């Protein structure tokens, strides 16, 4: 025990140095979305929505479709909470914009409506870094094309930080 105590100050100094110099990156070394990255997306998406006087829900999930970050602006209908999360999840787990599902269904592929955990409304976009989907962004609260515009603004901000 005494020998351990003798090295304790060095261990404390080393751990402080490592934590003080840790980088806060929006994407981890293994290409997964971090909370910092989700906040970058949300801030830019929120700025885009506010610039257009749109109140929305911003949902961001990881590659597995698990919620990473959620923001609900004032005055948004409660239903948009669920819709934004489903758009983000769909974009992430199916690795494509949710608009593709709505277009294919409109073209007659009605069987797509039976796919579980899929929402066919524009406004969900996958977050792709170096060819790998690391998450999804879903926006709900205004017209679907406006939702997609907001989501793209968030993703663009993240990619500029990388």
N, C-alpha and C. Protein backbone atom coordinates (compact mmCIF):
# COMPACT_ATOMS: atom_id res chain seq x y z
N UNK A 1 0.82 -1.19 0.00
CA UNK A 1 0.00 0.00 0.00
C UNK A 1 0.87 1.25 0.00
N UNK A 2 1.96 1.22 0.76
CA UNK A 2 2.83 2.39 0.83
C UNK A 2 3.44 2.69 -0.53
N UNK A 3 3.78 1.64 -1.29
CA UNK A 3 4.38 1.88 -2.61
C UNK A 3 3.36 2.52 -3.56
N UNK A 4 2.10 2.14 -3.43
CA UNK A 4 1.06 2.76 -4.25
C UNK A 4 0.92 4.23 -3.90
N UNK A 5 0.88 4.54 -2.64
CA UNK A 5 0.74 5.93 -2.20
C UNK A 5 1.90 6.79 -2.66
N UNK A 6 3.05 6.20 -2.79
CA UNK A 6 4.22 6.93 -3.24
C UNK A 6 4.04 7.40 -4.69
N UNK A 7 3.33 6.61 -5.52
CA UNK A 7 3.12 6.97 -6.93
C UNK A 7 1.82 7.75 -7.17
N UNK A 8 0.98 7.86 -6.17
CA UNK A 8 -0.31 8.53 -6.32
C UNK A 8 -0.19 9.96 -6.85
N UNK A 9 0.72 10.80 -6.35
CA UNK A 9 0.81 12.17 -6.90
C UNK A 9 1.13 12.18 -8.40
N UNK A 10 1.98 11.26 -8.84
CA UNK A 10 2.31 11.20 -10.27
C UNK A 10 1.10 10.75 -11.09
N UNK A 11 0.35 9.81 -10.56
CA UNK A 11 -0.85 9.36 -11.27
C UNK A 11 -1.88 10.47 -11.36
N UNK A 12 -2.05 11.23 -10.31
CA UNK A 12 -3.01 12.34 -10.32
C UNK A 12 -2.59 13.42 -11.31
N UNK A 13 -1.32 13.75 -11.34
CA UNK A 13 -0.82 14.76 -12.27
C UNK A 13 -1.01 14.27 -13.71
N UNK A 14 -0.70 13.02 -13.97
CA UNK A 14 -0.85 12.47 -15.32
C UNK A 14 -2.31 12.47 -15.75
N UNK A 15 -3.21 12.08 -14.87
CA UNK A 15 -4.63 12.05 -15.24
C UNK A 15 -5.16 13.46 -15.45
N UNK A 16 -4.71 14.42 -14.67
CA UNK A 16 -5.11 15.81 -14.88
C UNK A 16 -4.62 16.31 -16.23
N UNK A 17 -3.38 16.01 -16.56
CA UNK A 17 -2.80 16.45 -17.83
C UNK A 17 -3.57 15.86 -19.01
N UNK A 18 -3.90 14.59 -18.93
CA UNK A 18 -4.62 13.93 -20.02
C UNK A 18 -6.00 14.54 -20.18
N UNK A 19 -6.73 14.73 -19.08
CA UNK A 19 -8.08 15.27 -19.19
C UNK A 19 -8.07 16.73 -19.60
N UNK A 20 -7.09 17.50 -19.16
CA UNK A 20 -7.01 18.92 -19.51
C UNK A 20 -6.67 19.11 -20.98
N UNK A 21 -5.96 18.16 -21.56
CA UNK A 21 -5.56 18.28 -22.96
C UNK A 21 -6.40 17.45 -23.91
N UNK A 22 -7.48 16.88 -23.40
CA UNK A 22 -8.35 16.08 -24.26
C UNK A 22 -9.04 17.00 -25.27
N UNK A 23 -9.05 16.57 -26.51
CA UNK A 23 -9.71 17.35 -27.55
C UNK A 23 -11.20 17.08 -27.51
N UNK A 24 -11.97 18.10 -27.77
CA UNK A 24 -13.42 17.96 -27.87
C UNK A 24 -13.76 18.03 -29.36
N UNK A 25 -13.90 16.87 -29.97
CA UNK A 25 -14.16 16.78 -31.39
C UNK A 25 -15.63 16.46 -31.62
N UNK A 26 -16.19 16.94 -32.73
CA UNK A 26 -17.57 16.63 -33.03
C UNK A 26 -17.80 15.18 -33.46
N UNK A 27 -16.72 14.52 -33.88
CA UNK A 27 -16.79 13.12 -34.28
C UNK A 27 -15.64 12.41 -33.60
N UNK A 28 -15.92 11.23 -33.01
CA UNK A 28 -14.86 10.50 -32.31
C UNK A 28 -13.93 9.85 -33.32
N UNK A 29 -12.82 9.32 -32.82
CA UNK A 29 -11.82 8.68 -33.69
C UNK A 29 -12.39 7.50 -34.46
N UNK A 30 -13.42 6.86 -33.93
CA UNK A 30 -14.01 5.71 -34.61
C UNK A 30 -15.24 6.12 -35.43
N UNK A 31 -15.31 7.39 -35.79
CA UNK A 31 -16.38 7.92 -36.63
C UNK A 31 -17.76 7.66 -36.06
N UNK A 32 -17.96 8.08 -34.84
CA UNK A 32 -19.30 8.08 -34.28
C UNK A 32 -19.63 9.49 -33.82
N UNK A 33 -20.88 9.83 -33.88
CA UNK A 33 -21.31 11.17 -33.53
C UNK A 33 -21.18 11.38 -32.02
N UNK A 34 -20.54 12.46 -31.63
CA UNK A 34 -20.41 12.81 -30.22
C UNK A 34 -21.50 13.79 -29.84
N UNK A 35 -21.66 14.01 -28.55
CA UNK A 35 -22.61 15.01 -28.07
C UNK A 35 -22.20 16.39 -28.57
N UNK A 36 -20.90 16.67 -28.58
CA UNK A 36 -20.42 17.95 -29.11
C UNK A 36 -20.82 18.11 -30.57
N UNK A 37 -20.71 17.05 -31.35
CA UNK A 37 -21.12 17.10 -32.75
C UNK A 37 -22.62 17.33 -32.90
N UNK A 38 -23.40 16.67 -32.07
CA UNK A 38 -24.85 16.85 -32.10
C UNK A 38 -25.22 18.29 -31.76
N UNK A 39 -24.50 18.88 -30.82
CA UNK A 39 -24.77 20.27 -30.45
C UNK A 39 -24.42 21.25 -31.57
N UNK A 40 -23.36 20.95 -32.33
CA UNK A 40 -23.01 21.77 -33.49
C UNK A 40 -24.15 21.73 -34.50
N UNK A 41 -24.65 20.54 -34.77
CA UNK A 41 -25.76 20.38 -35.71
C UNK A 41 -26.98 21.13 -35.22
N UNK A 42 -27.32 20.94 -33.96
CA UNK A 42 -28.51 21.57 -33.40
C UNK A 42 -28.42 23.09 -33.42
N UNK A 43 -27.25 23.62 -33.10
CA UNK A 43 -27.08 25.08 -33.09
C UNK A 43 -27.28 25.66 -34.49
N UNK A 44 -26.69 25.04 -35.49
CA UNK A 44 -26.82 25.54 -36.86
C UNK A 44 -28.24 25.34 -37.39
N UNK A 45 -28.83 24.20 -37.08
CA UNK A 45 -30.21 23.96 -37.51
C UNK A 45 -31.14 24.96 -36.84
N UNK A 46 -30.92 25.20 -35.56
CA UNK A 46 -31.73 26.18 -34.84
C UNK A 46 -31.58 27.58 -35.41
N UNK A 47 -30.36 27.93 -35.78
CA UNK A 47 -30.10 29.25 -36.38
C UNK A 47 -30.83 29.38 -37.72
N UNK A 48 -30.81 28.32 -38.52
CA UNK A 48 -31.51 28.33 -39.81
C UNK A 48 -33.01 28.49 -39.60
N UNK A 49 -33.55 27.77 -38.64
CA UNK A 49 -34.99 27.87 -38.35
C UNK A 49 -35.34 29.28 -37.88
N UNK A 50 -34.57 29.82 -36.95
CA UNK A 50 -34.84 31.16 -36.43
C UNK A 50 -34.70 32.23 -37.50
N UNK A 51 -33.72 32.08 -38.39
CA UNK A 51 -33.52 33.05 -39.47
C UNK A 51 -34.75 33.13 -40.38
N UNK A 52 -35.49 32.03 -40.45
CA UNK A 52 -36.70 31.98 -41.28
C UNK A 52 -37.98 32.10 -40.47
N UNK A 53 -37.83 32.37 -39.18
CA UNK A 53 -38.97 32.50 -38.26
C UNK A 53 -39.82 31.23 -38.22
N UNK A 54 -39.11 30.07 -38.19
CA UNK A 54 -39.77 28.78 -38.10
C UNK A 54 -39.49 28.17 -36.74
N UNK A 55 -40.52 27.64 -36.10
CA UNK A 55 -40.35 26.93 -34.83
C UNK A 55 -40.46 25.44 -35.11
N UNK A 56 -39.44 24.70 -34.70
CA UNK A 56 -39.37 23.27 -35.02
C UNK A 56 -38.83 22.46 -33.85
N UNK A 57 -38.91 21.16 -34.03
CA UNK A 57 -38.23 20.21 -33.16
C UNK A 57 -37.02 19.70 -33.93
N UNK A 58 -35.88 19.66 -33.25
CA UNK A 58 -34.64 19.17 -33.83
C UNK A 58 -34.27 17.90 -33.08
N UNK A 59 -34.19 16.79 -33.79
CA UNK A 59 -33.81 15.51 -33.19
C UNK A 59 -32.56 15.00 -33.89
N UNK A 60 -31.61 14.54 -33.10
CA UNK A 60 -30.36 14.01 -33.65
C UNK A 60 -30.11 12.67 -32.98
N UNK A 61 -29.81 11.66 -33.79
CA UNK A 61 -29.56 10.33 -33.24
C UNK A 61 -28.23 9.79 -33.75
N UNK A 62 -27.78 8.73 -33.10
CA UNK A 62 -26.55 8.07 -33.52
C UNK A 62 -26.86 7.11 -34.67
N UNK A 63 -25.84 6.39 -35.13
CA UNK A 63 -26.00 5.51 -36.29
C UNK A 63 -26.99 4.37 -36.04
N UNK A 64 -27.19 4.01 -34.79
CA UNK A 64 -28.13 2.94 -34.46
C UNK A 64 -29.56 3.45 -34.28
N UNK A 65 -29.74 4.76 -34.44
CA UNK A 65 -31.07 5.33 -34.30
C UNK A 65 -31.44 5.74 -32.89
N UNK A 66 -30.47 5.70 -31.97
CA UNK A 66 -30.75 6.10 -30.59
C UNK A 66 -30.61 7.60 -30.45
N UNK A 67 -31.56 8.22 -29.76
CA UNK A 67 -31.58 9.66 -29.60
C UNK A 67 -30.32 10.15 -28.89
N UNK A 68 -29.68 11.16 -29.48
CA UNK A 68 -28.46 11.76 -28.94
C UNK A 68 -28.75 13.16 -28.41
N UNK A 69 -29.65 13.89 -29.09
CA UNK A 69 -29.94 15.27 -28.72
C UNK A 69 -31.33 15.63 -29.23
N UNK A 70 -32.07 16.39 -28.42
CA UNK A 70 -33.42 16.82 -28.81
C UNK A 70 -33.64 18.25 -28.34
N UNK A 71 -34.19 19.06 -29.22
CA UNK A 71 -34.52 20.44 -28.87
C UNK A 71 -35.89 20.76 -29.44
N UNK A 72 -36.75 21.32 -28.60
CA UNK A 72 -38.09 21.72 -29.03
C UNK A 72 -38.23 23.22 -28.84
N UNK A 73 -38.41 23.93 -29.94
CA UNK A 73 -38.59 25.37 -29.87
C UNK A 73 -39.99 25.68 -29.34
N UNK A 74 -40.17 26.89 -28.89
CA UNK A 74 -41.46 27.32 -28.35
C UNK A 74 -42.55 27.27 -29.43
N UNK A 75 -43.73 26.87 -29.02
CA UNK A 75 -44.90 26.92 -29.89
C UNK A 75 -45.03 25.80 -30.90
N UNK A 76 -44.17 24.80 -30.84
CA UNK A 76 -44.24 23.68 -31.80
C UNK A 76 -45.29 22.68 -31.32
N UNK A 77 -46.05 22.16 -32.26
CA UNK A 77 -47.05 21.16 -31.90
C UNK A 77 -46.37 19.95 -31.25
N UNK A 78 -47.05 19.34 -30.30
CA UNK A 78 -46.47 18.20 -29.58
C UNK A 78 -46.18 17.02 -30.49
N UNK A 79 -46.98 16.83 -31.53
CA UNK A 79 -46.76 15.72 -32.45
C UNK A 79 -45.41 15.78 -33.15
N UNK A 80 -44.85 16.99 -33.27
CA UNK A 80 -43.55 17.13 -33.93
C UNK A 80 -42.42 16.50 -33.13
N UNK A 81 -42.61 16.31 -31.83
CA UNK A 81 -41.59 15.63 -31.02
C UNK A 81 -41.36 14.21 -31.52
N UNK A 82 -42.42 13.50 -31.75
CA UNK A 82 -42.32 12.12 -32.23
C UNK A 82 -41.87 12.09 -33.68
N UNK A 83 -42.43 12.95 -34.50
CA UNK A 83 -42.11 12.94 -35.93
C UNK A 83 -40.63 13.23 -36.17
N UNK A 84 -40.08 14.24 -35.49
CA UNK A 84 -38.66 14.58 -35.67
C UNK A 84 -37.76 13.41 -35.29
N UNK A 85 -38.09 12.75 -34.18
CA UNK A 85 -37.27 11.61 -33.75
C UNK A 85 -37.36 10.46 -34.74
N UNK A 86 -38.53 10.21 -35.27
CA UNK A 86 -38.70 9.13 -36.25
C UNK A 86 -37.99 9.46 -37.56
N UNK A 87 -38.00 10.73 -37.95
CA UNK A 87 -37.26 11.11 -39.16
C UNK A 87 -35.76 10.88 -38.97
N UNK A 88 -35.24 11.29 -37.82
CA UNK A 88 -33.80 11.10 -37.54
C UNK A 88 -33.46 9.61 -37.52
N UNK A 89 -34.27 8.82 -36.85
CA UNK A 89 -34.02 7.38 -36.74
C UNK A 89 -34.07 6.71 -38.12
N UNK A 90 -35.09 7.03 -38.90
CA UNK A 90 -35.23 6.44 -40.23
C UNK A 90 -34.02 6.77 -41.10
N UNK A 91 -33.61 8.05 -41.10
CA UNK A 91 -32.47 8.46 -41.92
C UNK A 91 -31.20 7.72 -41.52
N UNK A 92 -31.03 7.51 -40.22
CA UNK A 92 -29.82 6.85 -39.73
C UNK A 92 -29.82 5.35 -40.03
N UNK A 93 -30.88 4.67 -39.66
CA UNK A 93 -30.84 3.20 -39.77
C UNK A 93 -31.02 2.70 -41.20
N UNK A 94 -31.68 3.51 -42.06
CA UNK A 94 -31.82 3.12 -43.46
C UNK A 94 -30.79 3.82 -44.35
N UNK A 95 -29.99 4.70 -43.75
CA UNK A 95 -28.87 5.36 -44.42
C UNK A 95 -29.26 6.11 -45.68
N UNK A 96 -30.39 6.80 -45.60
CA UNK A 96 -30.84 7.61 -46.73
C UNK A 96 -31.81 8.67 -46.23
N UNK A 97 -31.98 9.73 -47.02
CA UNK A 97 -32.96 10.75 -46.64
C UNK A 97 -34.37 10.16 -46.61
N UNK A 98 -35.16 10.61 -45.69
CA UNK A 98 -36.54 10.11 -45.58
C UNK A 98 -37.37 10.48 -46.80
N UNK A 99 -36.96 11.51 -47.51
CA UNK A 99 -37.66 11.93 -48.73
C UNK A 99 -37.69 10.79 -49.76
N UNK A 100 -36.64 9.97 -49.80
CA UNK A 100 -36.61 8.86 -50.76
C UNK A 100 -37.78 7.91 -50.55
N UNK A 101 -38.15 7.67 -49.30
CA UNK A 101 -39.29 6.78 -49.03
C UNK A 101 -40.59 7.41 -49.51
N UNK A 102 -40.77 8.70 -49.23
CA UNK A 102 -42.02 9.35 -49.65
C UNK A 102 -42.13 9.40 -51.17
N UNK A 103 -41.01 9.63 -51.86
CA UNK A 103 -41.02 9.64 -53.32
C UNK A 103 -41.35 8.27 -53.90
N UNK A 104 -40.77 7.24 -53.34
CA UNK A 104 -41.01 5.88 -53.85
C UNK A 104 -42.45 5.45 -53.60
N UNK A 105 -42.98 5.83 -52.45
CA UNK A 105 -44.38 5.50 -52.16
C UNK A 105 -45.30 6.26 -53.11
N UNK A 106 -44.99 7.53 -53.36
CA UNK A 106 -45.79 8.32 -54.31
C UNK A 106 -45.73 7.74 -55.72
N UNK A 107 -44.62 7.07 -56.04
CA UNK A 107 -44.46 6.43 -57.35
C UNK A 107 -45.12 5.05 -57.42
N UNK A 108 -45.77 4.64 -56.34
CA UNK A 108 -46.51 3.38 -56.37
C UNK A 108 -45.96 2.26 -55.52
N UNK A 109 -44.84 2.44 -54.87
CA UNK A 109 -44.26 1.38 -54.04
C UNK A 109 -44.90 1.40 -52.65
N UNK A 110 -46.20 1.16 -52.63
CA UNK A 110 -46.95 1.26 -51.36
C UNK A 110 -46.53 0.20 -50.34
N UNK A 111 -45.91 -0.88 -50.78
CA UNK A 111 -45.44 -1.91 -49.85
C UNK A 111 -44.42 -1.35 -48.87
N UNK A 112 -43.74 -0.27 -49.25
CA UNK A 112 -42.76 0.34 -48.34
C UNK A 112 -43.41 0.82 -47.04
N UNK A 113 -44.70 1.11 -47.08
CA UNK A 113 -45.39 1.59 -45.88
C UNK A 113 -45.47 0.53 -44.79
N UNK A 114 -45.16 -0.71 -45.14
CA UNK A 114 -45.22 -1.79 -44.15
C UNK A 114 -43.90 -1.98 -43.41
N UNK A 115 -42.86 -1.25 -43.82
CA UNK A 115 -41.55 -1.38 -43.17
C UNK A 115 -41.64 -0.84 -41.75
N UNK A 116 -41.26 -1.64 -40.76
CA UNK A 116 -41.29 -1.13 -39.38
C UNK A 116 -40.19 -0.09 -39.14
N UNK A 117 -40.46 0.82 -38.24
CA UNK A 117 -39.50 1.86 -37.83
C UNK A 117 -39.08 2.76 -38.99
N UNK A 118 -40.01 3.07 -39.88
CA UNK A 118 -39.73 3.93 -41.02
C UNK A 118 -40.83 4.97 -41.13
N UNK A 119 -40.42 6.22 -41.32
CA UNK A 119 -41.38 7.28 -41.58
C UNK A 119 -41.05 7.87 -42.95
N UNK A 120 -42.08 8.04 -43.75
CA UNK A 120 -41.89 8.48 -45.13
C UNK A 120 -42.29 9.95 -45.28
N UNK A 121 -41.65 10.81 -44.51
CA UNK A 121 -41.86 12.25 -44.60
C UNK A 121 -40.51 12.93 -44.77
N UNK A 122 -40.41 13.85 -45.70
CA UNK A 122 -39.16 14.58 -45.91
C UNK A 122 -38.80 15.35 -44.64
N UNK A 123 -37.50 15.49 -44.41
CA UNK A 123 -37.02 16.22 -43.24
C UNK A 123 -36.09 15.42 -42.36
N UNK A 124 -35.79 14.20 -42.77
CA UNK A 124 -34.81 13.37 -42.08
C UNK A 124 -33.64 13.12 -43.00
N UNK A 125 -32.42 13.42 -42.52
CA UNK A 125 -31.21 13.24 -43.32
C UNK A 125 -30.16 12.44 -42.56
N UNK A 126 -29.48 11.52 -43.25
CA UNK A 126 -28.37 10.82 -42.59
C UNK A 126 -27.18 11.76 -42.45
N UNK A 127 -26.40 11.56 -41.41
CA UNK A 127 -25.15 12.30 -41.22
C UNK A 127 -24.05 11.38 -41.70
N UNK A 128 -23.40 11.75 -42.79
CA UNK A 128 -22.38 10.91 -43.41
C UNK A 128 -21.02 11.58 -43.35
N UNK A 129 -20.05 10.87 -42.80
CA UNK A 129 -18.67 11.36 -42.71
C UNK A 129 -17.76 10.29 -43.31
N UNK A 130 -16.96 10.67 -44.27
CA UNK A 130 -16.05 9.75 -44.94
C UNK A 130 -16.76 8.49 -45.44
N UNK A 131 -17.96 8.68 -45.98
CA UNK A 131 -18.71 7.57 -46.54
C UNK A 131 -19.42 6.70 -45.52
N UNK A 132 -19.33 7.04 -44.25
CA UNK A 132 -19.95 6.24 -43.19
C UNK A 132 -21.07 7.04 -42.53
N UNK A 133 -22.25 6.43 -42.41
CA UNK A 133 -23.36 7.08 -41.71
C UNK A 133 -23.10 7.00 -40.22
N UNK A 134 -23.03 8.17 -39.57
CA UNK A 134 -22.76 8.21 -38.13
C UNK A 134 -23.96 8.67 -37.32
N UNK A 135 -25.07 8.95 -38.00
CA UNK A 135 -26.27 9.38 -37.30
C UNK A 135 -27.30 9.91 -38.26
N UNK A 136 -28.32 10.54 -37.67
CA UNK A 136 -29.38 11.12 -38.47
C UNK A 136 -29.92 12.37 -37.81
N UNK A 137 -30.43 13.28 -38.63
CA UNK A 137 -31.07 14.50 -38.15
C UNK A 137 -32.51 14.48 -38.63
N UNK A 138 -33.42 14.77 -37.74
CA UNK A 138 -34.83 14.87 -38.10
C UNK A 138 -35.39 16.19 -37.62
N UNK A 139 -36.10 16.86 -38.49
CA UNK A 139 -36.72 18.15 -38.16
C UNK A 139 -38.21 18.02 -38.44
N UNK A 140 -39.01 18.62 -37.57
CA UNK A 140 -40.45 18.64 -37.78
C UNK A 140 -41.01 19.94 -37.20
N UNK A 141 -41.99 20.48 -37.92
CA UNK A 141 -42.66 21.67 -37.43
C UNK A 141 -43.11 22.62 -38.52
N UNK A 142 -42.48 22.54 -39.69
CA UNK A 142 -42.88 23.37 -40.83
C UNK A 142 -43.09 22.44 -42.02
N UNK A 143 -43.17 22.99 -43.23
CA UNK A 143 -43.32 22.13 -44.40
C UNK A 143 -42.14 21.18 -44.50
N UNK A 144 -42.36 20.03 -45.06
CA UNK A 144 -41.31 19.00 -45.12
C UNK A 144 -40.06 19.47 -45.85
N UNK A 145 -40.20 20.23 -46.93
CA UNK A 145 -39.01 20.71 -47.64
C UNK A 145 -38.24 21.72 -46.77
N UNK A 146 -38.97 22.48 -45.94
CA UNK A 146 -38.32 23.41 -45.02
C UNK A 146 -37.62 22.63 -43.90
N UNK A 147 -38.25 21.55 -43.43
CA UNK A 147 -37.61 20.69 -42.44
C UNK A 147 -36.28 20.18 -42.97
N UNK A 148 -36.26 19.74 -44.23
CA UNK A 148 -35.03 19.22 -44.84
C UNK A 148 -33.98 20.31 -44.97
N UNK A 149 -34.40 21.52 -45.30
CA UNK A 149 -33.47 22.66 -45.40
C UNK A 149 -32.78 22.92 -44.06
N UNK A 150 -33.54 22.84 -42.99
CA UNK A 150 -32.99 23.06 -41.65
C UNK A 150 -32.01 21.95 -41.29
N UNK A 151 -32.40 20.71 -41.57
CA UNK A 151 -31.53 19.56 -41.27
C UNK A 151 -30.22 19.67 -42.03
N UNK A 152 -30.29 20.07 -43.30
CA UNK A 152 -29.07 20.19 -44.11
C UNK A 152 -28.16 21.28 -43.57
N UNK A 153 -28.73 22.37 -43.09
CA UNK A 153 -27.91 23.44 -42.51
C UNK A 153 -27.13 22.93 -41.30
N UNK A 154 -27.76 22.09 -40.50
CA UNK A 154 -27.07 21.51 -39.35
C UNK A 154 -25.94 20.59 -39.75
N UNK A 155 -26.18 19.72 -40.72
CA UNK A 155 -25.16 18.79 -41.18
C UNK A 155 -24.00 19.56 -41.82
N UNK A 156 -24.31 20.57 -42.61
CA UNK A 156 -23.27 21.37 -43.25
C UNK A 156 -22.35 22.00 -42.21
N UNK A 157 -22.92 22.48 -41.12
CA UNK A 157 -22.10 23.09 -40.06
C UNK A 157 -21.16 22.07 -39.43
N UNK A 158 -21.64 20.85 -39.21
CA UNK A 158 -20.79 19.80 -38.65
C UNK A 158 -19.63 19.50 -39.60
N UNK A 159 -19.94 19.33 -40.87
CA UNK A 159 -18.90 18.97 -41.84
C UNK A 159 -17.85 20.06 -41.98
N UNK A 160 -18.23 21.30 -41.80
CA UNK A 160 -17.25 22.39 -41.84
C UNK A 160 -16.29 22.33 -40.66
N UNK A 161 -16.72 21.75 -39.54
CA UNK A 161 -15.90 21.68 -38.34
C UNK A 161 -14.89 20.53 -38.40
N UNK A 162 -15.10 19.61 -39.30
CA UNK A 162 -14.23 18.42 -39.37
C UNK A 162 -12.95 18.72 -40.11
